[in-house]
C-alpha cells in the first residue's frame, strides 16, 4: 500500500459497532473482492470490498473476516483468513501479508491461512443460529455482475439450509455513514491531494490543450502524493461537454472562450474525495460565464450551511432547489411568475440542474448510507449545485466536501480556490513547479 497505516483501533471500534447490532447467536462472514482478470495473466487493479476494509483494514485479495460475538469457543469472536505466502508467490508478486502483520493492521488476534478456513468456519457455523451475509445492495438495479460475497452467500445457504440468514448491509449502512475522526482524516488527505492536483492544473490550462493532457496532470499529482489513483473516472469537460453530466471521454481540444469543468477526486487509503471546479480556458471568464458561475457559487455557499444534524436530505434538496430558482430568475433563465404554476414533481430548476445536490462520501464516492435518515454529526457529504445551459455551452458545477458536526458544517475543501477572481489571478500568475 502507498498510504500511511491507519491505527488498528479504528477497525477494532468498527467491528464493535457492527457486532453490537447483530442478533444473538449470529455469525457474520465478509469476503474480499475478486481479483478480476484483464487478459492473459494480467489483472485489473485490485480494489478491496468496502465492508471488509472498514471492519479490518486488510487490503489484499483472498481475505475473509468472520465475526461471532457470542461464540462459546474462547478466542473465536473475531477471525481473519488470508492467503498463504510462499516462496513462489514472493518471486512473482513480492511479500504479501504475514499473519502477524495482518493481526497488527486489523487488531484481530486470531489469523489463519485461507487454506485452513473450511473446518474452522464449519465448526463456528454449527455453533451459531444465524448467519449475516454481505450481499451488496445498490440503489440502482443490478448490472448482472455477481460479486464474491453474493456467490459465497448462495453457497452458504445451500450448505446450511437450517440456519436463518440476515443481511449485513442494513447494519453497515447505519454505522458506516457516521464517520470516525480517523476516517475524516483519510478523506481530508484525499481532498488535500485533490487540491494539489487542481492547483497544478491552473498553470496548464490554455487554448489548444487536449482534455486528456489535463487528465494526465491530475493523475501525475495524485500518484506522486501517495493516492492509489482516481476515486472515480475523472470528468475533464470543455465547451459544450461541460453540460454532459458523466462525460469521461476527455479527448477533445480546449478552445478559446470555452469553460472547462473538472470533476475529480483522489482515492487515499480507499477513502474518496469528490471535487468539481470550473475554469475559463482563456484565463478570464466572460461576463455571462461569470454571472452564471457566481450564481452557482452563491447557491453552494448557502447550501453547505444547511448540512446540519437533524435535517432530512429530502427537505435539504427542496431548500437548495429554492436557492437555485432564485439564481435562475436572476440570470433570466426562468420567470418568477412561472414559479407559482410549476409542477412540484418536476420543478422548473430541474431543467438546469438535473441531479441531486448532495450524497454521502467515504469509502466509496457514493458511500453506503440510509438516505432517508436525518443527518447526524460525523456524516460527510458532497455539496454540488449546478446550472447547465447547453445552448450557451455553459456548464457550471461547483462541488465541495462537507463534514457534518454539532458545531456546524466543516468544509474539508475550503482551501481549494473557488472564487472567480482568485481563479483568474492564479491562472494568469501560476508558474509550474
Protein backbone atom coordinates (compact mmCIF):
# COMPACT_ATOMS: atom_id res chain seq x y z
CA UNK A 1 0.00 0.00 0.00
CA UNK A 2 1.12 3.56 -0.64
CA UNK A 3 -0.82 5.24 2.15
CA UNK A 4 0.25 5.67 5.75
CA UNK A 5 -1.01 2.88 8.00
CA UNK A 6 -4.29 3.60 9.76
CA UNK A 7 -4.31 2.88 13.53
CA UNK A 8 -5.86 -0.54 14.19
CA UNK A 9 -8.14 0.94 16.85
CA UNK A 10 -10.35 2.30 14.05
CA UNK A 11 -11.07 -1.20 12.75
CA UNK A 12 -11.44 -2.59 16.27
CA UNK A 13 -14.07 0.04 17.06
CA UNK A 14 -15.82 -0.53 13.72
CA UNK A 15 -16.15 -4.24 14.47
CA UNK A 16 -17.54 -3.49 17.92
CA UNK A 17 -20.13 -1.15 16.43
CA UNK A 18 -21.21 -3.80 13.95
CA UNK A 19 -21.32 -6.64 16.46
CA UNK A 20 -23.45 -4.63 18.87
CA UNK A 21 -26.13 -4.55 16.17
CA UNK A 22 -26.04 -8.29 15.41
CA UNK A 23 -28.77 -10.56 16.72
CA UNK A 24 -27.86 -13.12 19.42
CA UNK A 25 -26.03 -16.30 18.39
CA UNK A 26 -25.10 -14.85 14.99
CA UNK A 27 -22.00 -15.17 12.88
CA UNK A 28 -21.11 -12.66 10.14
CA UNK A 29 -18.86 -13.54 7.20
CA UNK A 30 -17.21 -10.97 4.92
CA UNK A 31 -15.23 -11.78 1.77
CA UNK A 32 -12.76 -9.62 -0.10
CA UNK A 33 -13.48 -8.54 -3.65
CA UNK A 34 -12.38 -10.67 -6.57
CA UNK A 35 -9.12 -10.06 -8.36
CA UNK A 36 -10.54 -9.54 -11.85
CA UNK A 37 -8.69 -10.81 -14.94
CA UNK A 38 -7.93 -8.34 -17.72
CA UNK A 39 -6.31 -10.56 -20.34
CA UNK A 40 -3.92 -13.47 -20.34
CA UNK A 41 -2.15 -13.43 -16.98
CA UNK A 42 -2.75 -9.69 -16.48
CA UNK A 43 -5.15 -8.50 -13.80
CA UNK A 44 -7.13 -5.32 -13.25
CA UNK A 45 -6.02 -3.22 -10.29
CA UNK A 46 -7.46 -4.65 -7.11
CA UNK A 47 -9.93 -2.65 -5.04
CA UNK A 48 -10.99 -4.00 -1.67
CA UNK A 49 -14.60 -4.60 -0.64
CA UNK A 50 -15.61 -1.55 1.41
CA UNK A 51 -17.17 -3.52 4.25
CA UNK A 52 -14.22 -5.85 4.69
CA UNK A 53 -11.80 -2.93 4.69
CA UNK A 54 -14.00 -0.97 7.10
CA UNK A 55 -14.01 -3.88 9.55
CA UNK A 56 -10.38 -4.94 9.25
CA UNK A 57 -8.15 -2.61 7.21
CA UNK A 58 -6.91 -5.68 5.32
CA UNK A 59 -6.27 -4.55 1.76
CA UNK A 60 -5.47 -7.59 -0.36
CA UNK A 61 -7.44 -10.26 -2.25
CA UNK A 62 -8.34 -13.68 -0.88
CA UNK A 63 -9.19 -12.39 2.56
CA UNK A 64 -12.12 -13.35 4.81
CA UNK A 65 -13.21 -11.76 8.09
CA UNK A 66 -15.53 -13.61 10.49
CA UNK A 67 -17.32 -12.05 13.48
CA UNK A 68 -19.06 -14.18 16.11
CA UNK A 69 -19.61 -12.06 19.25
CA UNK A 70 -21.44 -14.82 21.20
CA UNK A 71 -19.04 -17.62 20.30
CA UNK A 72 -18.68 -20.11 23.18
CA UNK A 73 -15.27 -21.15 21.93
CA UNK A 74 -12.69 -18.99 23.65
CA UNK A 75 -10.79 -16.60 21.38
CA UNK A 76 -13.01 -17.07 18.33
CA UNK A 77 -15.14 -13.89 18.44
CA UNK A 78 -13.06 -12.33 15.64
CA UNK A 79 -11.10 -14.17 12.97
CA UNK A 80 -9.35 -13.36 9.72
CA UNK A 81 -8.20 -15.69 6.95
CA UNK A 82 -5.56 -14.56 4.47
CA UNK A 83 -3.83 -16.23 1.53
CA UNK A 84 -0.73 -18.20 2.42
CA UNK A 85 2.60 -16.69 1.47
CA UNK A 86 5.18 -18.97 -0.13
CA UNK A 87 8.50 -18.58 -2.00
CA UNK A 88 6.86 -18.98 -5.42
CA UNK A 89 4.37 -16.15 -4.82
CA UNK A 90 7.12 -13.91 -3.41
CA UNK A 91 9.15 -14.32 -6.61
CA UNK A 92 6.28 -13.10 -8.77
CA UNK A 93 4.40 -10.71 -6.50
CA UNK A 94 6.68 -9.80 -3.62
CA UNK A 95 5.81 -10.11 0.05
CA UNK A 96 2.15 -10.49 0.97
CA UNK A 97 0.70 -10.01 4.43
CA UNK A 98 2.01 -12.34 7.09
CA UNK A 99 -0.38 -13.48 9.79
CA UNK A 100 1.42 -11.27 12.30
CA UNK A 101 1.20 -8.21 10.05
CA UNK A 102 -2.47 -8.88 9.30
CA UNK A 103 -3.10 -9.01 13.04
CA UNK A 104 -1.23 -5.73 13.61
CA UNK A 105 -3.21 -3.94 10.87
CA UNK A 106 -6.63 -5.23 11.87
CA UNK A 107 -6.34 -5.77 15.61
CA UNK A 108 -7.72 -9.30 15.04
CA UNK A 109 -5.69 -11.63 17.22
CA UNK A 110 -6.57 -14.92 15.55
CA UNK A 111 -5.44 -15.00 11.90
CA UNK A 112 -5.38 -18.20 9.85
CA UNK A 113 -4.23 -19.07 6.35
CA UNK A 114 -7.11 -19.19 3.90
CA UNK A 115 -6.50 -22.86 3.11
CA UNK A 116 -7.22 -23.61 6.78
CA UNK A 117 -10.62 -21.92 6.74
CA UNK A 118 -13.09 -24.68 5.84
CA UNK A 119 -13.01 -26.82 9.02
CA UNK A 120 -12.70 -23.78 11.29
CA UNK A 121 -15.60 -21.93 9.67
CA UNK A 122 -17.77 -25.07 9.58
CA UNK A 123 -17.38 -25.59 13.31
CA UNK A 124 -18.26 -21.98 14.08
CA UNK A 125 -21.33 -22.01 11.84
CA UNK A 126 -22.62 -25.11 13.59
CA UNK A 127 -22.34 -23.22 16.88
CA UNK A 128 -24.41 -20.31 15.52
CA UNK A 129 -28.12 -20.00 14.79
CA UNK A 130 -27.92 -17.11 12.32
CA UNK A 131 -25.55 -16.05 9.53
CA UNK A 132 -25.05 -12.49 8.30
CA UNK A 133 -24.02 -12.28 4.64
CA UNK A 134 -22.67 -9.17 2.94
CA UNK A 135 -24.63 -9.08 -0.33
CA UNK A 136 -24.21 -5.68 -1.97
CA UNK A 137 -27.46 -3.70 -2.11
CA UNK A 138 -27.16 -0.99 -4.75
CA UNK A 139 -29.63 1.88 -5.17
CA UNK A 140 -29.84 1.05 -8.88
CA UNK A 141 -30.81 -2.36 -10.36
CA UNK A 142 -28.03 -4.93 -10.65
CA UNK A 143 -25.89 -4.82 -13.78
CA UNK A 144 -25.56 -8.59 -13.84
CA UNK A 145 -22.07 -8.77 -12.33
CA UNK A 146 -22.20 -11.21 -9.40
CA UNK A 147 -19.72 -10.32 -6.70
CA UNK A 148 -17.76 -12.68 -4.44
CA UNK A 149 -19.93 -12.07 -1.36
CA UNK A 150 -23.11 -12.98 -3.24
CA UNK A 151 -21.62 -16.18 -4.68
CA UNK A 152 -20.38 -17.26 -1.27
CA UNK A 153 -23.73 -16.39 0.34
CA UNK A 154 -25.51 -18.68 -2.12
CA UNK A 155 -23.11 -21.50 -1.26
CA UNK A 156 -23.61 -20.96 2.48
CA UNK A 157 -27.38 -21.08 2.05
CA UNK A 158 -27.04 -24.35 0.20
CA UNK A 159 -24.68 -25.87 2.76
CA UNK A 160 -26.57 -24.67 5.85
CA UNK A 161 -30.27 -24.51 4.91
CA UNK A 162 -31.47 -24.82 8.52
CA UNK A 163 -29.75 -21.58 9.59
CA UNK A 164 -31.51 -18.24 9.42
CA UNK A 165 -29.77 -15.75 7.13
CA UNK A 166 -29.61 -11.99 7.65
CA UNK A 167 -28.50 -9.02 5.54
CA UNK A 168 -25.33 -7.31 6.73
CA UNK A 169 -25.77 -4.22 4.57
CA UNK A 170 -28.58 -2.57 6.60
CA UNK A 171 -26.34 -2.74 9.68
CA UNK A 172 -23.35 -1.48 7.72
CA UNK A 173 -25.33 1.45 6.33
CA UNK A 174 -26.23 2.54 9.86
CA UNK A 175 -22.66 2.59 11.11
CA UNK A 176 -20.63 3.46 8.01
CA UNK A 177 -22.45 6.71 7.27
CA UNK A 178 -21.25 8.21 10.57
CA UNK A 179 -17.50 8.66 10.25
CA UNK A 180 -14.91 8.19 12.96
CA UNK A 181 -12.47 11.15 13.19
CA UNK A 182 -9.75 8.85 11.84
CA UNK A 183 -11.89 8.30 8.74
CA UNK A 184 -12.40 12.02 8.32
CA UNK A 185 -8.61 12.35 8.41
CA UNK A 186 -8.32 9.98 5.44
CA UNK A 187 -10.98 11.88 3.49
CA UNK A 188 -9.20 15.13 4.30
CA UNK A 189 -5.96 13.70 2.94
CA UNK A 190 -7.76 12.68 -0.27
CA UNK A 191 -9.19 16.20 -0.54
CA UNK A 192 -5.77 17.77 0.06
CA UNK A 193 -4.24 15.64 -2.69
CA UNK A 194 -7.06 16.72 -5.00
CA UNK A 195 -6.33 20.34 -4.12
CA UNK A 196 -2.71 19.89 -5.14
CA UNK A 197 -3.82 18.44 -8.49
CA UNK A 198 -6.20 21.34 -9.08
CA UNK A 199 -3.51 23.91 -8.34
CA UNK A 200 -1.18 22.09 -10.74
CA UNK A 201 -3.82 22.26 -13.48
CA UNK A 202 -4.15 26.03 -13.16
CA UNK A 203 -0.81 26.53 -14.91
CA UNK A 204 -1.54 24.03 -17.70
CA UNK A 205 -4.94 25.14 -18.95
CA UNK A 206 -4.82 27.14 -22.18
CA UNK A 207 -6.45 27.05 -25.61
CA UNK A 208 -5.18 24.15 -27.69
CA UNK A 209 -4.60 21.72 -24.83
CA UNK A 210 -6.47 18.43 -25.02
CA UNK A 211 -8.65 17.31 -22.15
CA UNK A 212 -6.61 14.12 -21.76
CA UNK A 213 -3.44 16.18 -21.30
CA UNK A 214 -5.06 17.81 -18.30
CA UNK A 215 -6.26 14.46 -17.00
CA UNK A 216 -2.65 13.27 -17.17
CA UNK A 217 -1.52 16.16 -14.97
CA UNK A 218 -4.21 15.32 -12.42
CA UNK A 219 -3.13 11.68 -12.38
CA UNK A 220 0.52 12.73 -12.03
CA UNK A 221 -0.21 14.74 -8.90
CA UNK A 222 -2.43 12.07 -7.39
CA UNK A 223 0.18 9.32 -7.71
CA UNK A 224 3.14 11.40 -6.55
CA UNK A 225 1.22 12.21 -3.36
CA UNK A 226 0.52 8.56 -2.46
CA UNK A 227 -3.03 8.27 -3.72
CA UNK A 228 -3.92 4.92 -5.26
CA UNK A 229 -5.35 6.89 -8.18
CA UNK A 230 -8.76 8.32 -9.02
CA UNK A 231 -11.73 7.59 -6.76
CA UNK A 232 -13.86 7.51 -9.94
CA UNK A 233 -13.29 8.18 -13.66
CA UNK A 234 -12.41 11.88 -13.86
CA UNK A 235 -14.51 14.30 -15.90
CA UNK A 236 -12.45 16.84 -17.85
CA UNK A 237 -15.06 18.53 -20.00
CA UNK A 238 -14.55 21.66 -22.06
CA UNK A 239 -17.08 23.70 -24.04
CA UNK A 240 -20.45 22.06 -24.67
CA UNK A 241 -19.22 18.87 -22.99
CA UNK A 242 -19.39 20.66 -19.64
CA UNK A 243 -23.15 20.07 -19.87
CA UNK A 244 -22.76 16.27 -20.16
CA UNK A 245 -23.11 15.06 -16.59
CA UNK A 246 -20.95 11.92 -16.83
CA UNK A 247 -18.66 12.82 -19.71
CA UNK A 248 -15.44 10.80 -19.36
CA UNK A 249 -14.00 10.50 -22.88
CA UNK A 250 -11.75 13.51 -22.15
CA UNK A 251 -10.50 13.51 -25.76
CA UNK A 252 -11.38 16.93 -27.16
CA UNK A 253 -9.38 20.12 -27.52
CA UNK A 254 -9.97 23.03 -25.15
CA UNK A 255 -10.84 26.12 -27.21
CA UNK A 256 -10.51 29.82 -26.55
CA UNK A 257 -13.53 31.26 -24.80
CA UNK A 258 -14.74 27.87 -23.51
CA UNK A 259 -15.26 26.79 -19.94
CA UNK A 260 -13.52 23.71 -18.53
CA UNK A 261 -15.39 21.63 -15.94
CA UNK A 262 -13.26 19.19 -13.93
CA UNK A 263 -14.91 16.68 -11.60
CA UNK A 264 -12.10 14.78 -9.89
CA UNK A 265 -11.22 13.12 -6.63
CA UNK A 266 -8.20 11.30 -5.30
CA UNK A 267 -8.53 7.97 -3.52
CA UNK A 268 -6.34 7.71 -0.45
CA UNK A 269 -6.38 4.69 1.87
CA UNK A 270 -9.55 3.62 0.00
CA UNK A 271 -11.31 6.86 1.01
CA UNK A 272 -12.60 9.20 -1.69
CA UNK A 273 -12.59 12.90 -2.39
CA UNK A 274 -15.12 14.33 -4.85
CA UNK A 275 -14.42 17.87 -6.03
CA UNK A 276 -15.66 19.88 -9.02
CA UNK A 277 -14.22 23.15 -10.28
CA UNK A 278 -14.75 25.20 -13.45
CA UNK A 279 -12.07 27.25 -15.21
CA UNK A 280 -12.10 29.65 -18.16
CA UNK A 281 -9.84 28.11 -20.80
CA UNK A 282 -8.59 31.56 -21.85
CA UNK A 283 -7.85 32.60 -18.28
CA UNK A 284 -10.76 35.07 -17.97
CA UNK A 285 -14.49 34.47 -17.59
CA UNK A 286 -16.78 36.30 -19.95
CA UNK A 287 -19.40 38.50 -18.31
CA UNK A 288 -22.11 35.88 -18.86
CA UNK A 289 -19.90 33.00 -17.68
CA UNK A 290 -19.02 34.92 -14.53
CA UNK A 291 -22.68 35.70 -13.81
CA UNK A 292 -23.67 32.02 -14.04
CA UNK A 293 -20.56 30.99 -12.10
CA UNK A 294 -21.28 33.39 -9.26
CA UNK A 295 -24.91 32.29 -9.22
CA UNK A 296 -23.88 28.67 -8.64
CA UNK A 297 -21.21 29.69 -6.11
CA UNK A 298 -23.79 31.64 -4.11
CA UNK A 299 -26.03 28.57 -4.00
CA UNK A 300 -23.10 26.40 -2.86
CA UNK A 301 -22.12 28.77 -0.06
CA UNK A 302 -25.71 28.89 1.22
CA UNK A 303 -26.44 25.19 0.67
CA UNK A 304 -23.49 23.86 2.65
CA UNK A 305 -24.69 25.77 5.70
CA UNK A 306 -27.88 23.67 5.61
CA UNK A 307 -25.95 20.43 6.17
CA UNK A 308 -26.61 20.20 9.91
CA UNK A 309 -27.74 17.42 12.24
CA UNK A 310 -31.46 16.72 12.13
CA UNK A 311 -32.32 17.82 8.61
CA UNK A 312 -33.63 15.27 6.11
CA UNK A 313 -31.92 15.08 2.74
CA UNK A 314 -35.30 15.40 1.03
CA UNK A 315 -36.03 18.68 2.84
CA UNK A 316 -32.48 19.87 2.22
CA UNK A 317 -32.84 19.26 -1.52
CA UNK A 318 -36.08 21.29 -1.57
CA UNK A 319 -34.40 24.20 0.20
CA UNK A 320 -31.46 24.16 -2.21
CA UNK A 321 -33.98 23.99 -5.06
CA UNK A 322 -35.38 27.33 -3.88
CA UNK A 323 -31.88 28.80 -3.90
CA UNK A 324 -31.39 27.58 -7.47
CA UNK A 325 -34.74 29.03 -8.52
CA UNK A 326 -33.67 32.44 -7.25
CA UNK A 327 -30.36 32.21 -9.09
CA UNK A 328 -32.08 31.17 -12.32
CA UNK A 329 -34.53 34.08 -12.08
CA UNK A 330 -31.61 36.49 -11.63
CA UNK A 331 -29.94 35.01 -14.70
CA UNK A 332 -33.09 35.39 -16.80
CA UNK A 333 -33.43 31.64 -17.38
CA UNK A 334 -36.84 31.31 -15.71
CA UNK A 335 -39.52 33.86 -14.86
CA UNK A 336 -40.58 34.50 -11.30
CA UNK A 337 -44.22 34.45 -12.40
CA UNK A 338 -43.82 30.86 -13.65
CA UNK A 339 -42.74 29.52 -10.27
CA UNK A 340 -46.25 29.61 -8.81
CA UNK A 341 -47.55 27.30 -11.56
CA UNK A 342 -44.68 24.82 -11.74
CA UNK A 343 -45.13 21.07 -11.34
CA UNK A 344 -43.97 20.18 -7.78
CA UNK A 345 -42.89 16.75 -9.04
CA UNK A 346 -40.58 18.36 -11.59
CA UNK A 347 -39.77 21.93 -10.55
CA UNK A 348 -38.52 24.37 -13.16
CA UNK A 349 -34.98 24.45 -11.82
CA UNK A 350 -34.60 20.76 -12.76
CA UNK A 351 -34.27 21.78 -16.40
CA UNK A 352 -30.96 23.40 -15.48
CA UNK A 353 -29.83 21.13 -12.61
CA UNK A 354 -30.99 17.55 -13.16
CA UNK A 355 -29.07 15.78 -10.40
CA UNK A 356 -29.31 15.82 -6.62
CA UNK A 357 -27.22 18.29 -4.65
CA UNK A 358 -25.55 16.02 -2.10
CA UNK A 359 -24.58 12.41 -1.46
CA UNK A 360 -22.70 10.56 1.28
CA UNK A 361 -18.92 10.32 0.83
CA UNK A 362 -16.45 7.88 2.37
CA UNK A 363 -15.06 4.50 1.32
CA UNK A 364 -16.98 4.99 -1.90
CA UNK A 365 -17.70 8.18 -3.78
CA UNK A 366 -21.38 7.34 -3.26
CA UNK A 367 -20.97 5.86 0.18
CA UNK A 368 -23.12 3.20 1.80
CA UNK A 369 -25.83 5.05 3.77
CA UNK A 370 -29.52 5.36 4.61
CA UNK A 371 -30.58 8.35 2.53
CA UNK A 372 -33.90 8.66 4.39
CA UNK A 373 -32.31 9.03 7.83
CA UNK A 374 -31.84 12.55 9.24
CA UNK A 375 -28.33 13.96 9.09
CA UNK A 376 -26.11 13.20 12.07
CA UNK A 377 -22.82 14.59 13.30
CA UNK A 378 -19.98 12.64 11.72
CA UNK A 379 -21.51 12.26 8.27
CA UNK A 380 -19.59 13.55 5.24
CA UNK A 381 -21.40 14.85 2.16
CA UNK A 382 -20.70 16.39 -1.18
CA UNK A 383 -22.41 19.68 -1.95
CA UNK A 384 -22.64 20.21 -5.71
CA UNK A 385 -25.21 22.65 -7.10
CA UNK A 386 -25.03 23.35 -10.82
CA UNK A 387 -26.53 25.23 -13.71
CA UNK A 388 -26.26 23.75 -17.22
CA UNK A 389 -27.15 25.83 -20.29
CA UNK A 390 -26.30 23.65 -23.32
CA UNK A 391 -27.37 26.27 -25.89
CA UNK A 392 -24.76 28.65 -24.44
CA UNK A 393 -22.10 25.92 -23.92
CA UNK A 394 -22.09 26.84 -20.24
CA UNK A 395 -21.95 24.08 -17.66
CA UNK A 396 -21.14 25.21 -14.13
CA UNK A 397 -20.98 22.67 -11.29
CA UNK A 398 -19.12 23.53 -8.10
CA UNK A 399 -18.58 20.80 -5.54
CA UNK A 400 -17.11 20.78 -2.06
CA UNK A 401 -16.91 18.06 0.61
CA UNK A 402 -18.64 18.87 3.90
CA UNK A 403 -18.25 17.24 7.32
CA UNK A 404 -21.39 17.49 9.47
CA UNK A 405 -20.62 18.36 13.12
CA UNK A 406 -22.60 19.51 16.14
CA UNK A 407 -20.75 22.84 15.91
CA UNK A 408 -21.78 23.40 12.30
CA UNK A 409 -20.65 22.27 8.83
CA UNK A 410 -16.90 21.95 8.24
CA UNK A 411 -15.81 22.43 4.63
CA UNK A 412 -12.97 19.94 4.11
CA UNK A 413 -12.26 21.55 0.72
CA UNK A 414 -12.22 25.17 1.92
CA UNK A 415 -8.59 25.62 0.80
CA UNK A 416 -9.30 24.74 -2.84
CA UNK A 417 -9.64 28.00 -4.81
CA UNK A 418 -13.23 28.67 -5.88
CA UNK A 419 -13.82 32.43 -6.15
CA UNK A 420 -13.83 33.53 -9.81
CA UNK A 421 -11.36 36.38 -9.22
CA UNK A 422 -8.90 34.11 -7.38
CA UNK A 423 -9.07 31.50 -10.12
CA UNK A 424 -8.35 34.12 -12.79
CA UNK A 425 -5.47 35.52 -10.76
CA UNK A 426 -3.93 32.10 -10.23
CA UNK A 427 -4.34 31.10 -13.87
CA UNK A 428 -2.56 34.23 -15.01
CA UNK A 429 0.26 34.14 -12.47
CA UNK A 430 0.93 30.48 -11.59
CA UNK A 431 4.29 29.16 -12.67
CA UNK A 432 4.71 25.39 -12.91
CA UNK A 433 6.98 23.96 -10.23
